[in-house]
Each structure stands twice: as C-alpha cells, then as structure tokens.
Protein backbone atom coordinates (compact mmCIF):
# COMPACT_ATOMS: atom_id res chain seq x y z
CA MET A 1 6.49 -2.68 -15.08
CA ASN A 2 6.95 -6.26 -13.89
CA PHE A 3 8.59 -6.86 -10.48
CA PRO A 4 8.87 -10.65 -10.09
CA HIS A 5 11.76 -10.57 -7.60
CA PHE A 6 10.44 -7.97 -5.14
CA LEU A 7 8.35 -8.52 -2.03
CA ARG A 8 6.70 -5.82 0.12
CA ILE A 9 6.28 -6.44 3.84
CA GLU A 10 4.23 -4.20 6.09
CA ARG A 11 4.55 -4.62 9.85
CA GLU A 12 2.07 -3.10 12.22
CA PRO A 13 3.18 -1.73 15.59
CA ARG A 14 2.93 -3.98 18.61
CA GLY A 15 -0.05 -3.59 20.90
CA GLY A 16 -3.59 -2.53 20.16
CA ALA A 17 -3.23 0.81 18.43
CA SER A 18 -5.97 2.75 16.70
CA ALA A 19 -6.31 2.71 12.90
CA ILE A 20 -4.76 6.17 12.56
CA ALA A 21 -1.81 5.26 14.76
CA GLU A 22 -1.31 2.00 12.85
CA ALA A 23 -1.13 3.79 9.49
CA ALA A 24 1.34 6.32 10.84
CA GLY A 25 3.41 3.79 12.76
CA SER A 26 3.50 0.83 10.36
CA ARG A 27 6.88 -0.18 9.00
CA HIS A 28 7.32 -0.93 5.29
CA PHE A 29 10.03 -3.14 3.84
CA VAL A 30 10.87 -4.03 0.24
CA VAL A 31 13.07 -7.09 -0.26
CA HIS A 32 14.82 -8.21 -3.45
CA LEU A 33 14.67 -12.01 -3.28
CA VAL A 34 17.41 -13.04 -5.73
CA GLU A 35 21.05 -12.09 -6.19
CA PRO A 36 22.05 -9.41 -5.47
CA ARG A 37 20.02 -9.42 -2.26
CA LEU A 38 18.74 -6.10 -0.98
CA ALA A 39 16.37 -4.95 1.74
CA LEU A 40 14.95 -1.44 2.11
CA GLU A 41 13.00 0.01 5.00
CA LEU A 42 10.79 2.83 3.77
CA ALA A 43 8.67 5.43 5.53
CA PRO A 44 5.62 7.04 3.92
CA ASP A 45 6.40 10.29 2.10
CA ALA A 46 4.21 12.92 3.74
CA ALA A 47 4.95 15.43 0.94
CA ALA A 48 3.48 13.14 -1.74
CA PRO A 49 -0.11 13.77 -2.90
CA ASP A 50 -1.24 10.32 -1.68
CA GLN A 51 0.78 10.58 1.57
CA MET A 52 2.84 7.50 0.58
CA GLY A 53 4.58 8.22 -2.74
CA ARG A 54 7.75 6.26 -3.48
CA GLY A 55 8.62 6.24 0.19
CA VAL A 56 11.48 7.82 2.08
CA ILE A 57 14.42 5.47 2.55
CA LYS A 58 15.13 4.83 6.22
CA ARG A 59 17.52 1.89 5.93
CA VAL A 60 19.31 -0.07 3.20
CA CYS A 61 20.73 -3.54 3.90
CA VAL A 62 23.14 -5.07 1.36
CA PRO A 63 25.75 -7.83 1.62
CA ASN A 64 29.34 -6.68 2.20
CA SER A 65 30.49 -8.21 -1.08
CA TRP A 66 28.33 -5.74 -3.03
CA ALA A 67 29.11 -2.64 -0.99
CA GLY A 68 31.29 -1.01 -3.68
CA ASP A 69 28.98 -1.46 -6.69
CA TYR A 70 26.88 1.66 -6.14
CA GLY A 71 25.65 1.87 -9.73
CA GLN A 72 23.96 -1.53 -9.59
CA TYR A 73 22.43 -0.85 -6.19
CA GLY A 74 21.25 2.58 -7.31
CA GLN A 75 19.23 0.92 -10.07
CA LEU A 76 17.86 -1.70 -7.66
CA ILE A 77 16.89 0.92 -5.07
CA SER A 78 15.07 2.94 -7.72
CA ALA A 79 13.23 -0.20 -8.91
CA ALA A 80 12.38 -1.09 -5.28
CA GLN A 81 10.90 2.36 -4.68
CA GLU A 82 8.86 2.11 -7.88
CA PHE A 83 7.64 -1.34 -6.79
CA PHE A 84 6.70 0.11 -3.38
CA GLU A 85 4.68 2.90 -5.01
CA GLN A 86 2.87 0.54 -7.40
CA SER A 87 2.20 -2.10 -4.75
CA LEU A 88 0.32 0.46 -2.65
CA ALA A 89 -1.80 1.60 -5.60
CA GLY A 90 -4.18 -1.33 -5.15
CA PRO A 91 -4.59 -4.93 -6.20
CA ALA A 92 -3.19 -6.00 -9.53
CA PRO A 93 -5.77 -6.56 -12.25
CA GLU A 94 -6.71 -10.17 -12.72
CA LYS A 95 -5.51 -11.81 -15.88
CA GLY A 96 -7.93 -13.92 -17.87
CA GLY A 97 -7.27 -17.43 -19.05
CA GLY A 98 -6.15 -18.93 -15.77
CA ARG A 99 -5.30 -22.56 -15.38
CA PHE A 100 -8.61 -23.53 -13.78
CA GLU A 101 -10.79 -21.13 -15.76
CA ARG A 102 -13.11 -22.63 -18.35
C-alpha cells in the first residue's frame, strides 16, 4: 500500500539512556500531512509477535472542525496504524530507473 501523506516520527527519551531503555521509552507519532490533518501517538504493542505490531493508540489529535466525522477519521486511523506497522518493517525496496541512474 502507498502512504504518500503519512510521516512517522520517533522521539527518544531525554538523557543518556541505555539501548533497552530507549526502545522501551521511545515515543512514536504518525502524522497525516494533508487535509484532514491528524496526529497519532502510538505505543509498541507488547502482545504482537514482533513486539511492535500496529501500535496501541495513546493519543489522537484532530482539528475541532472534524470532530464529528468519525467514519472518515476511523479510516484514517486504520491507515495510519497500517503505515506505522509497515514503516517499522524495514527500509523500502529501492526502485530502479532513478533520475540519475544510467
């Protein structure tokens, strides 16, 4: 699936924490960059086989003007969780035929 309007942000905890503490304490955000704007804060899903899964929703931020359209935001939240899961799977495969490739 193609997710051109989503961006994943991972913030590490402040201070010099160990690698294990950083993985457990990092904060994950998925932002929808175009209208309707949406921001999700997700926590890793400990019950998932890979310990991350689609994430557990901690916070949803939406503009007040869209607060009543739950159907549209339900679809966006589902797409954001799918984007989160796929973005953690690893780097995207490189496509051949780039602009500078000969």
